[in-house]
PDB file of all heavy atoms in Angstrom:
ATOM      1  N   LEU A   1     101.332 137.531 120.643  1.00  0.00           N
ATOM      2  CA  LEU A   1     101.479 137.549 122.090  1.00  0.00           C
ATOM      3  C   LEU A   1     102.948 137.801 122.399  1.00  0.00           C
ATOM      4  O   LEU A   1     103.817 137.029 121.987  1.00  0.00           O
ATOM      5  CB  LEU A   1     101.028 136.217 122.685  1.00  0.00           C
ATOM      6  CG  LEU A   1     101.176 136.070 124.194  1.00  0.00           C
ATOM      7  CD1 LEU A   1     100.250 137.035 124.924  1.00  0.00           C
ATOM      8  CD2 LEU A   1     100.896 134.637 124.612  1.00  0.00           C
ATOM      9  N   VAL A   2     103.230 138.907 123.077  1.00  0.00           N
ATOM     10  CA  VAL A   2     104.604 139.244 123.436  1.00  0.00           C
ATOM     11  C   VAL A   2     104.987 138.533 124.725  1.00  0.00           C
ATOM     12  O   VAL A   2     106.032 137.893 124.816  1.00  0.00           O
ATOM     13  CB  VAL A   2     104.783 140.771 123.559  1.00  0.00           C
ATOM     14  CG1 VAL A   2     106.182 141.121 123.999  1.00  0.00           C
ATOM     15  CG2 VAL A   2     104.428 141.447 122.249  1.00  0.00           C
ATOM     16  N   LYS A   3     104.108 138.650 125.742  1.00  0.00           N
ATOM     17  CA  LYS A   3     104.342 137.952 127.008  1.00  0.00           C
ATOM     18  C   LYS A   3     103.063 137.937 127.821  1.00  0.00           C
ATOM     19  O   LYS A   3     102.148 138.727 127.587  1.00  0.00           O
ATOM     20  CB  LYS A   3     105.466 138.598 127.804  1.00  0.00           C
ATOM     21  CG  LYS A   3     105.151 139.999 128.303  1.00  0.00           C
ATOM     22  CD  LYS A   3     106.313 140.584 129.090  1.00  0.00           C
ATOM     23  CE  LYS A   3     105.983 142.011 129.508  1.00  0.00           C
ATOM     24  NZ  LYS A   3     107.057 142.612 130.279  1.00  0.00           N
ATOM     25  N   VAL A   4     103.022 137.031 128.801  1.00  0.00           N
ATOM     26  CA  VAL A   4     101.913 136.939 129.752  1.00  0.00           C
ATOM     27  C   VAL A   4     102.492 137.152 131.142  1.00  0.00           C
ATOM     28  O   VAL A   4     103.503 136.550 131.498  1.00  0.00           O
ATOM     29  CB  VAL A   4     101.204 135.572 129.668  1.00  0.00           C
ATOM     30  CG1 VAL A   4     100.104 135.469 130.713  1.00  0.00           C
ATOM     31  CG2 VAL A   4     100.638 135.335 128.277  1.00  0.00           C
ATOM     32  N   THR A   5     101.850 138.045 131.912  1.00  0.00           N
ATOM     33  CA  THR A   5     102.279 138.300 133.288  1.00  0.00           C
ATOM     34  C   THR A   5     101.059 138.257 134.202  1.00  0.00           C
ATOM     35  O   THR A   5      99.924 138.366 133.732  1.00  0.00           O
ATOM     36  CB  THR A   5     102.967 139.670 133.429  1.00  0.00           C
ATOM     37  OG1 THR A   5     102.063 140.690 132.988  1.00  0.00           O
ATOM     38  CG2 THR A   5     104.250 139.743 132.628  1.00  0.00           C
ATOM     39  N   LYS A   6     101.298 138.133 135.480  1.00  0.00           N
ATOM     40  CA  LYS A   6     100.202 138.137 136.442  1.00  0.00           C
ATOM     41  C   LYS A   6     100.041 139.539 137.010  1.00  0.00           C
ATOM     42  O   LYS A   6     101.012 140.165 137.426  1.00  0.00           O
ATOM     43  CB  LYS A   6     100.475 137.147 137.560  1.00  0.00           C
ATOM     44  CG  LYS A   6      99.225 136.689 138.269  1.00  0.00           C
ATOM     45  CD  LYS A   6      99.435 135.356 138.919  1.00  0.00           C
ATOM     46  CE  LYS A   6      98.100 134.663 138.989  1.00  0.00           C
ATOM     47  NZ  LYS A   6      98.205 133.308 139.423  1.00  0.00           N
ATOM     48  N   SER A   7      98.809 140.043 137.013  1.00  0.00           N
ATOM     49  CA  SER A   7      98.537 141.375 137.568  1.00  0.00           C
ATOM     50  C   SER A   7      98.540 141.306 139.086  1.00  0.00           C
ATOM     51  O   SER A   7      98.406 140.226 139.667  1.00  0.00           O
ATOM     52  CB  SER A   7      97.182 141.887 137.064  1.00  0.00           C
ATOM     53  OG  SER A   7      96.127 141.210 137.725  1.00  0.00           O
ATOM     54  N   PRO A   8      98.643 142.469 139.767  1.00  0.00           N
ATOM     55  CA  PRO A   8      98.563 142.475 141.235  1.00  0.00           C
ATOM     56  C   PRO A   8      97.256 141.864 141.746  1.00  0.00           C
ATOM     57  O   PRO A   8      97.213 141.325 142.837  1.00  0.00           O
ATOM     58  CB  PRO A   8      98.665 143.956 141.597  1.00  0.00           C
ATOM     59  CG  PRO A   8      99.388 144.579 140.450  1.00  0.00           C
ATOM     60  CD  PRO A   8      98.967 143.798 139.233  1.00  0.00           C
ATOM     61  N   GLY A   9      96.196 141.933 140.932  1.00  0.00           N
ATOM     62  CA  GLY A   9      94.909 141.357 141.316  1.00  0.00           C
ATOM     63  C   GLY A   9      94.805 139.868 141.047  1.00  0.00           C
ATOM     64  O   GLY A   9      93.773 139.259 141.301  1.00  0.00           O
ATOM     65  N   GLY A  10      95.854 139.272 140.486  1.00  0.00           N
ATOM     66  CA  GLY A  10      95.858 137.832 140.244  1.00  0.00           C
ATOM     67  C   GLY A  10      95.400 137.400 138.861  1.00  0.00           C
ATOM     68  O   GLY A  10      95.335 136.212 138.579  1.00  0.00           O
ATOM     69  N   LEU A  11      95.053 138.352 137.980  1.00  0.00           N
ATOM     70  CA  LEU A  11      94.632 138.005 136.627  1.00  0.00           C
ATOM     71  C   LEU A  11      95.842 137.914 135.708  1.00  0.00           C
ATOM     72  O   LEU A  11      96.833 138.621 135.894  1.00  0.00           O
ATOM     73  CB  LEU A  11      93.673 139.067 136.075  1.00  0.00           C
ATOM     74  CG  LEU A  11      92.367 139.276 136.832  1.00  0.00           C
ATOM     75  CD1 LEU A  11      91.597 140.445 136.228  1.00  0.00           C
ATOM     76  CD2 LEU A  11      91.527 138.021 136.811  1.00  0.00           C
ATOM     77  N   TRP A  12      95.751 137.063 134.701  1.00  0.00           N
ATOM     78  CA  TRP A  12      96.791 137.010 133.681  1.00  0.00           C
ATOM     79  C   TRP A  12      96.580 138.151 132.707  1.00  0.00           C
ATOM     80  O   TRP A  12      95.475 138.363 132.222  1.00  0.00           O
ATOM     81  CB  TRP A  12      96.748 135.684 132.932  1.00  0.00           C
ATOM     82  CG  TRP A  12      97.133 134.511 133.766  1.00  0.00           C
ATOM     83  CD1 TRP A  12      96.305 133.516 134.205  1.00  0.00           C
ATOM     84  CD2 TRP A  12      98.428 134.197 134.274  1.00  0.00           C
ATOM     85  NE1 TRP A  12      97.008 132.612 134.964  1.00  0.00           N
ATOM     86  CE2 TRP A  12      98.323 133.004 135.019  1.00  0.00           C
ATOM     87  CE3 TRP A  12      99.672 134.810 134.185  1.00  0.00           C
ATOM     88  CZ2 TRP A  12      99.402 132.414 135.655  1.00  0.00           C
ATOM     89  CZ3 TRP A  12     100.754 134.226 134.813  1.00  0.00           C
ATOM     90  CH2 TRP A  12     100.629 133.045 135.534  1.00  0.00           C
ATOM     91  N   LEU A  13      97.636 138.904 132.433  1.00  0.00           N
ATOM     92  CA  LEU A  13      97.594 139.989 131.460  1.00  0.00           C
ATOM     93  C   LEU A  13      98.507 139.643 130.300  1.00  0.00           C
ATOM     94  O   LEU A  13      99.643 139.201 130.505  1.00  0.00           O
ATOM     95  CB  LEU A  13      98.030 141.314 132.074  1.00  0.00           C
ATOM     96  CG  LEU A  13      97.103 141.922 133.109  1.00  0.00           C
ATOM     97  CD1 LEU A  13      97.703 143.215 133.658  1.00  0.00           C
ATOM     98  CD2 LEU A  13      95.723 142.182 132.538  1.00  0.00           C
ATOM     99  N   ALA A  14      98.011 139.872 129.095  1.00  0.00           N
ATOM    100  CA  ALA A  14      98.779 139.594 127.890  1.00  0.00           C
ATOM    101  C   ALA A  14      99.211 140.909 127.259  1.00  0.00           C
ATOM    102  O   ALA A  14      98.401 141.804 127.054  1.00  0.00           O
ATOM    103  CB  ALA A  14      97.926 138.812 126.893  1.00  0.00           C
ATOM    104  N   ASP A  15     100.492 141.008 126.975  1.00  0.00           N
ATOM    105  CA  ASP A  15     101.027 142.116 126.190  1.00  0.00           C
ATOM    106  C   ASP A  15     100.900 141.662 124.745  1.00  0.00           C
ATOM    107  O   ASP A  15     101.544 140.689 124.341  1.00  0.00           O
ATOM    108  CB  ASP A  15     102.486 142.366 126.574  1.00  0.00           C
ATOM    109  CG  ASP A  15     103.099 143.546 125.854  1.00  0.00           C
ATOM    110  OD1 ASP A  15     102.402 144.212 125.067  1.00  0.00           O
ATOM    111  OD2 ASP A  15     104.300 143.798 126.070  1.00  0.00           O
ATOM    112  N   VAL A  16     100.018 142.334 123.980  1.00  0.00           N
ATOM    113  CA  VAL A  16      99.723 141.894 122.616  1.00  0.00           C
ATOM    114  C   VAL A  16      99.990 142.995 121.598  1.00  0.00           C
ATOM    115  O   VAL A  16      99.884 144.180 121.912  1.00  0.00           O
ATOM    116  CB  VAL A  16      98.261 141.417 122.476  1.00  0.00           C
ATOM    117  CG1 VAL A  16      97.994 140.227 123.375  1.00  0.00           C
ATOM    118  CG2 VAL A  16      97.278 142.518 122.773  1.00  0.00           C
ATOM    119  N   ARG A  17     100.317 142.553 120.401  1.00  0.00           N
ATOM    120  CA  ARG A  17     100.530 143.462 119.273  1.00  0.00           C
ATOM    121  C   ARG A  17      99.657 143.022 118.112  1.00  0.00           C
ATOM    122  O   ARG A  17      99.443 141.828 117.908  1.00  0.00           O
ATOM    123  CB  ARG A  17     101.988 143.438 118.823  1.00  0.00           C
ATOM    124  CG  ARG A  17     102.942 143.968 119.835  1.00  0.00           C
ATOM    125  CD  ARG A  17     104.367 144.054 119.278  1.00  0.00           C
ATOM    126  NE  ARG A  17     105.322 144.314 120.335  1.00  0.00           N
ATOM    127  CZ  ARG A  17     105.535 145.503 120.882  1.00  0.00           C
ATOM    128  NH1 ARG A  17     104.851 146.542 120.469  1.00  0.00           N
ATOM    129  NH2 ARG A  17     106.415 145.652 121.847  1.00  0.00           N
ATOM    130  N   THR A  18      99.176 144.023 117.391  1.00  0.00           N
ATOM    131  CA  THR A  18      98.438 143.789 116.157  1.00  0.00           C
ATOM    132  C   THR A  18      99.032 144.699 115.090  1.00  0.00           C
ATOM    133  O   THR A  18      99.912 145.508 115.383  1.00  0.00           O
ATOM    134  CB  THR A  18      96.934 144.129 116.327  1.00  0.00           C
ATOM    135  OG1 THR A  18      96.805 145.541 116.499  1.00  0.00           O
ATOM    136  CG2 THR A  18      96.309 143.405 117.509  1.00  0.00           C
ATOM    137  N   SER A  19      98.518 144.593 113.886  1.00  0.00           N
ATOM    138  CA  SER A  19      99.003 145.464 112.818  1.00  0.00           C
ATOM    139  C   SER A  19      98.590 146.917 113.033  1.00  0.00           C
ATOM    140  O   SER A  19      99.117 147.816 112.392  1.00  0.00           O
ATOM    141  CB  SER A  19      98.478 144.976 111.460  1.00  0.00           C
ATOM    142  OG  SER A  19      97.061 144.998 111.459  1.00  0.00           O
ATOM    143  N   PHE A  20      97.663 147.165 113.980  1.00  0.00           N
ATOM    144  CA  PHE A  20      97.163 148.528 114.200  1.00  0.00           C
ATOM    145  C   PHE A  20      97.387 149.036 115.618  1.00  0.00           C
ATOM    146  O   PHE A  20      96.810 150.039 116.013  1.00  0.00           O
ATOM    147  CB  PHE A  20      95.682 148.627 113.819  1.00  0.00           C
ATOM    148  CG  PHE A  20      94.826 147.553 114.427  1.00  0.00           C
ATOM    149  CD1 PHE A  20      94.271 147.714 115.682  1.00  0.00           C
ATOM    150  CD2 PHE A  20      94.588 146.379 113.733  1.00  0.00           C
ATOM    151  CE1 PHE A  20      93.503 146.724 116.252  1.00  0.00           C
ATOM    152  CE2 PHE A  20      93.808 145.380 114.294  1.00  0.00           C
ATOM    153  CZ  PHE A  20      93.264 145.550 115.550  1.00  0.00           C
ATOM    154  N   GLY A  21      98.241 148.361 116.399  1.00  0.00           N
ATOM    155  CA  GLY A  21      98.566 148.862 117.724  1.00  0.00           C
ATOM    156  C   GLY A  21      98.897 147.756 118.704  1.00  0.00           C
ATOM    157  O   GLY A  21      98.925 146.579 118.341  1.00  0.00           O
ATOM    158  N   HIS A  22      99.175 148.161 119.939  1.00  0.00           N
ATOM    159  CA  HIS A  22      99.484 147.178 120.978  1.00  0.00           C
ATOM    160  C   HIS A  22      98.997 147.691 122.337  1.00  0.00           C
ATOM    161  O   HIS A  22      98.803 148.884 122.530  1.00  0.00           O
ATOM    162  CB  HIS A  22     100.981 146.871 121.018  1.00  0.00           C
ATOM    163  CG  HIS A  22     101.823 148.018 121.474  1.00  0.00           C
ATOM    164  ND1 HIS A  22     102.237 149.014 120.641  1.00  0.00           N
ATOM    165  CD2 HIS A  22     102.313 148.328 122.697  1.00  0.00           C
ATOM    166  CE1 HIS A  22     102.957 149.884 121.312  1.00  0.00           C
ATOM    167  NE2 HIS A  22     103.009 149.504 122.569  1.00  0.00           N
ATOM    168  N   THR A  23      98.812 146.736 123.247  1.00  0.00           N
ATOM    169  CA  THR A  23      98.348 147.051 124.594  1.00  0.00           C
ATOM    170  C   THR A  23      98.491 145.815 125.467  1.00  0.00           C
ATOM    171  O   THR A  23      98.967 144.773 125.008  1.00  0.00           O
ATOM    172  CB  THR A  23      96.886 147.544 124.578  1.00  0.00           C
ATOM    173  OG1 THR A  23      96.571 148.135 125.829  1.00  0.00           O
ATOM    174  CG2 THR A  23      95.911 146.438 124.259  1.00  0.00           C
ATOM    175  N   ALA A  24      98.045 145.903 126.714  1.00  0.00           N
ATOM    176  CA  ALA A  24      97.969 144.759 127.626  1.00  0.00           C
ATOM    177  C   ALA A  24      96.521 144.596 128.065  1.00  0.00           C
ATOM    178  O   ALA A  24      95.876 145.574 128.449  1.00  0.00           O
ATOM    179  CB  ALA A  24      98.870 144.976 128.837  1.00  0.00           C
ATOM    180  N   VAL A  25      96.011 143.364 127.973  1.00  0.00           N
ATOM    181  CA  VAL A  25      94.632 143.049 128.344  1.00  0.00           C
ATOM    182  C   VAL A  25      94.598 141.708 129.064  1.00  0.00           C
ATOM    183  O   VAL A  25      95.585 140.970 129.089  1.00  0.00           O
ATOM    184  CB  VAL A  25      93.699 143.016 127.113  1.00  0.00           C
ATOM    185  CG1 VAL A  25      93.575 144.387 126.481  1.00  0.00           C
ATOM    186  CG2 VAL A  25      94.162 141.996 126.091  1.00  0.00           C
ATOM    187  N   ARG A  26      93.437 141.382 129.597  1.00  0.00           N
ATOM    188  CA  ARG A  26      93.250 140.125 130.322  1.00  0.00           C
ATOM    189  C   ARG A  26      93.419 138.943 129.374  1.00  0.00           C
ATOM    190  O   ARG A  26      92.847 138.919 128.292  1.00  0.00           O
ATOM    191  CB  ARG A  26      91.865 140.114 130.954  1.00  0.00           C
ATOM    192  CG  ARG A  26      91.634 138.939 131.835  1.00  0.00           C
ATOM    193  CD  ARG A  26      90.337 139.101 132.595  1.00  0.00           C
ATOM    194  NE  ARG A  26      90.116 137.900 133.369  1.00  0.00           N
ATOM    195  CZ  ARG A  26      88.925 137.423 133.638  1.00  0.00           C
ATOM    196  NH1 ARG A  26      87.852 138.045 133.224  1.00  0.00           N
ATOM    197  NH2 ARG A  26      88.798 136.327 134.336  1.00  0.00           N
ATOM    198  N   TRP A  27      94.189 137.962 129.799  1.00  0.00           N
ATOM    199  CA  TRP A  27      94.453 136.765 129.003  1.00  0.00           C
ATOM    200  C   TRP A  27      93.682 135.602 129.616  1.00  0.00           C
ATOM    201  O   TRP A  27      93.857 135.286 130.798  1.00  0.00           O
ATOM    202  CB  TRP A  27      95.945 136.473 128.999  1.00  0.00           C
ATOM    203  CG  TRP A  27      96.355 135.258 128.242  1.00  0.00           C
ATOM    204  CD1 TRP A  27      96.818 134.080 128.766  1.00  0.00           C
ATOM    205  CD2 TRP A  27      96.396 135.096 126.820  1.00  0.00           C
ATOM    206  NE1 TRP A  27      97.134 133.207 127.761  1.00  0.00           N
ATOM    207  CE2 TRP A  27      96.878 133.804 126.555  1.00  0.00           C
ATOM    208  CE3 TRP A  27      96.059 135.926 125.753  1.00  0.00           C
ATOM    209  CZ2 TRP A  27      97.043 133.314 125.262  1.00  0.00           C
ATOM    210  CZ3 TRP A  27      96.225 135.441 124.465  1.00  0.00           C
ATOM    211  CH2 TRP A  27      96.703 134.158 124.227  1.00  0.00           C
ATOM    212  N   CYS A  28      92.819 134.972 128.829  1.00  0.00           N
ATOM    213  CA  CYS A  28      91.996 133.871 129.320  1.00  0.00           C
ATOM    214  C   CYS A  28      92.473 132.532 128.767  1.00  0.00           C
ATOM    215  O   CYS A  28      91.704 131.578 128.679  1.00  0.00           O
ATOM    216  CB  CYS A  28      90.536 134.124 128.971  1.00  0.00           C
ATOM    217  SG  CYS A  28      89.887 135.588 129.795  1.00  0.00           S
ATOM    218  N   GLY A  29      93.728 132.488 128.414  1.00  0.00           N
ATOM    219  CA  GLY A  29      94.355 131.250 127.967  1.00  0.00           C
ATOM    220  C   GLY A  29      95.318 130.762 129.028  1.00  0.00           C
ATOM    221  O   GLY A  29      95.276 131.190 130.184  1.00  0.00           O
ATOM    222  N   ASP A  30      96.209 129.899 128.627  1.00  0.00           N
ATOM    223  CA  ASP A  30      97.217 129.326 129.517  1.00  0.00           C
ATOM    224  C   ASP A  30      98.176 130.418 129.975  1.00  0.00           C
ATOM    225  O   ASP A  30      98.739 131.141 129.153  1.00  0.00           O
ATOM    226  CB  ASP A  30      97.969 128.234 128.753  1.00  0.00           C
ATOM    227  CG  ASP A  30      98.962 127.464 129.609  1.00  0.00           C
ATOM    228  OD1 ASP A  30      99.219 127.875 130.767  1.00  0.00           O
ATOM    229  OD2 ASP A  30      99.494 126.462 129.120  1.00  0.00           O
ATOM    230  N   GLY A  31      98.369 130.537 131.272  1.00  0.00           N
ATOM    231  CA  GLY A  31      99.286 131.529 131.824  1.00  0.00           C
ATOM    232  C   GLY A  31     100.731 131.280 131.426  1.00  0.00           C
ATOM    233  O   GLY A  31     101.556 132.176 131.505  1.00  0.00           O
ATOM    234  N   ALA A  32     101.023 130.067 130.986  1.00  0.00           N
ATOM    235  CA  ALA A  32     102.377 129.723 130.556  1.00  0.00           C
ATOM    236  C   ALA A  32     102.513 129.791 129.030  1.00  0.00           C
ATOM    237  O   ALA A  32     103.468 129.255 128.474  1.00  0.00           O
ATOM    238  CB  ALA A  32     102.740 128.322 131.052  1.00  0.00           C
ATOM    239  N   ALA A  33     101.586 130.458 128.365  1.00  0.00           N
ATOM    240  CA  ALA A  33     101.623 130.558 126.905  1.00  0.00           C
ATOM    241  C   ALA A  33     102.929 131.192 126.443  1.00  0.00           C
ATOM    242  O   ALA A  33     103.391 132.175 127.028  1.00  0.00           O
ATOM    243  CB  ALA A  33     100.433 131.364 126.390  1.00  0.00           C
ATOM    244  N   GLU A  34     103.499 130.623 125.425  1.00  0.00           N
ATOM    245  CA  GLU A  34     104.745 131.126 124.852  1.00  0.00           C
ATOM    246  C   GLU A  34     104.462 132.299 123.921  1.00  0.00           C
ATOM    247  O   GLU A  34     103.386 132.378 123.323  1.00  0.00           O
ATOM    248  CB  GLU A  34     105.444 130.013 124.068  1.00  0.00           C
ATOM    249  CG  GLU A  34     105.918 128.868 124.946  1.00  0.00           C
ATOM    250  CD  GLU A  34     107.054 129.273 125.866  1.00  0.00           C
ATOM    251  OE1 GLU A  34     107.929 130.049 125.426  1.00  0.00           O
ATOM    252  OE2 GLU A  34     107.068 128.813 127.030  1.00  0.00           O
ATOM    253  N   PRO A  35     105.413 133.197 123.758  1.00  0.00           N
ATOM    254  CA  PRO A  35     105.252 134.275 122.776  1.00  0.00           C
ATOM    255  C   PRO A  35     105.027 133.679 121.385  1.00  0.00           C
ATOM    256  O   PRO A  35     105.514 132.596 121.066  1.00  0.00           O
ATOM    257  CB  PRO A  35     106.581 135.022 122.842  1.00  0.00           C
ATOM    258  CG  PRO A  35     107.108 134.741 124.210  1.00  0.00           C
ATOM    259  CD  PRO A  35     106.672 133.331 124.504  1.00  0.00           C
ATOM    260  N   GLY A  36     104.246 134.399 120.594  1.00  0.00           N
ATOM    261  CA  GLY A  36     103.971 133.943 119.230  1.00  0.00           C
ATOM    262  C   GLY A  36     102.614 134.419 118.765  1.00  0.00           C
ATOM    263  O   GLY A  36     101.970 135.244 119.418  1.00  0.00           O
ATOM    264  N   GLU A  37     102.191 133.892 117.628  1.00  0.00           N
ATOM    265  CA  GLU A  37     100.902 134.285 117.050  1.00  0.00           C
ATOM    266  C   GLU A  37      99.787 133.390 117.570  1.00  0.00           C
ATOM    267  O   GLU A  37      99.954 132.170 117.668  1.00  0.00           O
ATOM    268  CB  GLU A  37     100.967 134.214 115.523  1.00  0.00           C
ATOM    269  CG  GLU A  37     101.881 135.265 114.929  1.00  0.00           C
ATOM    270  CD  GLU A  37     101.837 135.292 113.418  1.00  0.00           C
ATOM    271  OE1 GLU A  37     101.484 134.264 112.793  1.00  0.00           O
ATOM    272  OE2 GLU A  37     102.149 136.355 112.858  1.00  0.00           O
ATOM    273  N   TYR A  38      98.656 134.027 117.890  1.00  0.00           N
ATOM    274  CA  TYR A  38      97.490 133.321 118.391  1.00  0.00           C
ATOM    275  C   TYR A  38      96.238 133.910 117.743  1.00  0.00           C
ATOM    276  O   TYR A  38      96.144 135.124 117.572  1.00  0.00           O
ATOM    277  CB  TYR A  38      97.345 133.479 119.911  1.00  0.00           C
ATOM    278  CG  TYR A  38      98.395 132.745 120.707  1.00  0.00           C
ATOM    279  CD1 TYR A  38      99.655 133.303 120.901  1.00  0.00           C
ATOM    280  CD2 TYR A  38      98.118 131.509 121.262  1.00  0.00           C
ATOM    281  CE1 TYR A  38     100.625 132.634 121.626  1.00  0.00           C
ATOM    282  CE2 TYR A  38      99.084 130.832 122.003  1.00  0.00           C
ATOM    283  CZ  TYR A  38     100.337 131.399 122.178  1.00  0.00           C
ATOM    284  OH  TYR A  38     101.302 130.743 122.902  1.00  0.00           O
ATOM    285  N   HIS A  39      95.285 133.040 117.430  1.00  0.00           N
ATOM    286  CA  HIS A  39      93.959 133.490 117.032  1.00  0.00           C
ATOM    287  C   HIS A  39      93.174 133.679 118.321  1.00  0.00           C
ATOM    288  O   HIS A  39      93.188 132.798 119.194  1.00  0.00           O
ATOM    289  CB  HIS A  39      93.270 132.464 116.130  1.00  0.00           C
ATOM    290  CG  HIS A  39      93.873 132.384 114.784  1.00  0.00           C
ATOM    291  ND1 HIS A  39      93.533 133.242 113.762  1.00  0.00           N
ATOM    292  CD2 HIS A  39      94.828 131.569 114.280  1.00  0.00           C
ATOM    293  CE1 HIS A  39      94.234 132.952 112.695  1.00  0.00           C
ATOM    294  NE2 HIS A  39      95.039 131.934 112.977  1.00  0.00           N
ATOM    295  N   VAL A  40      92.513 134.834 118.460  1.00  0.00           N
ATOM    296  CA  VAL A  40      91.793 135.132 119.696  1.00  0.00           C
ATOM    297  C   VAL A  40      90.410 135.713 119.399  1.00  0.00           C
ATOM    298  O   VAL A  40      90.172 136.289 118.340  1.00  0.00           O
ATOM    299  CB  VAL A  40      92.567 136.143 120.587  1.00  0.00           C
ATOM    300  CG1 VAL A  40      93.885 135.556 121.063  1.00  0.00           C
ATOM    301  CG2 VAL A  40      92.776 137.458 119.883  1.00  0.00           C
TER     302      VAL A  40
END
């Protein structure tokens, strides 16, 4: 998890990286989650 931000629609979006790419998707965890590794 690189960072969590709030979308204009009010959803939490997570900027995530994996060994095969990265993107931003909806985050259904704590909006105050710290950067680091997470099992999802």
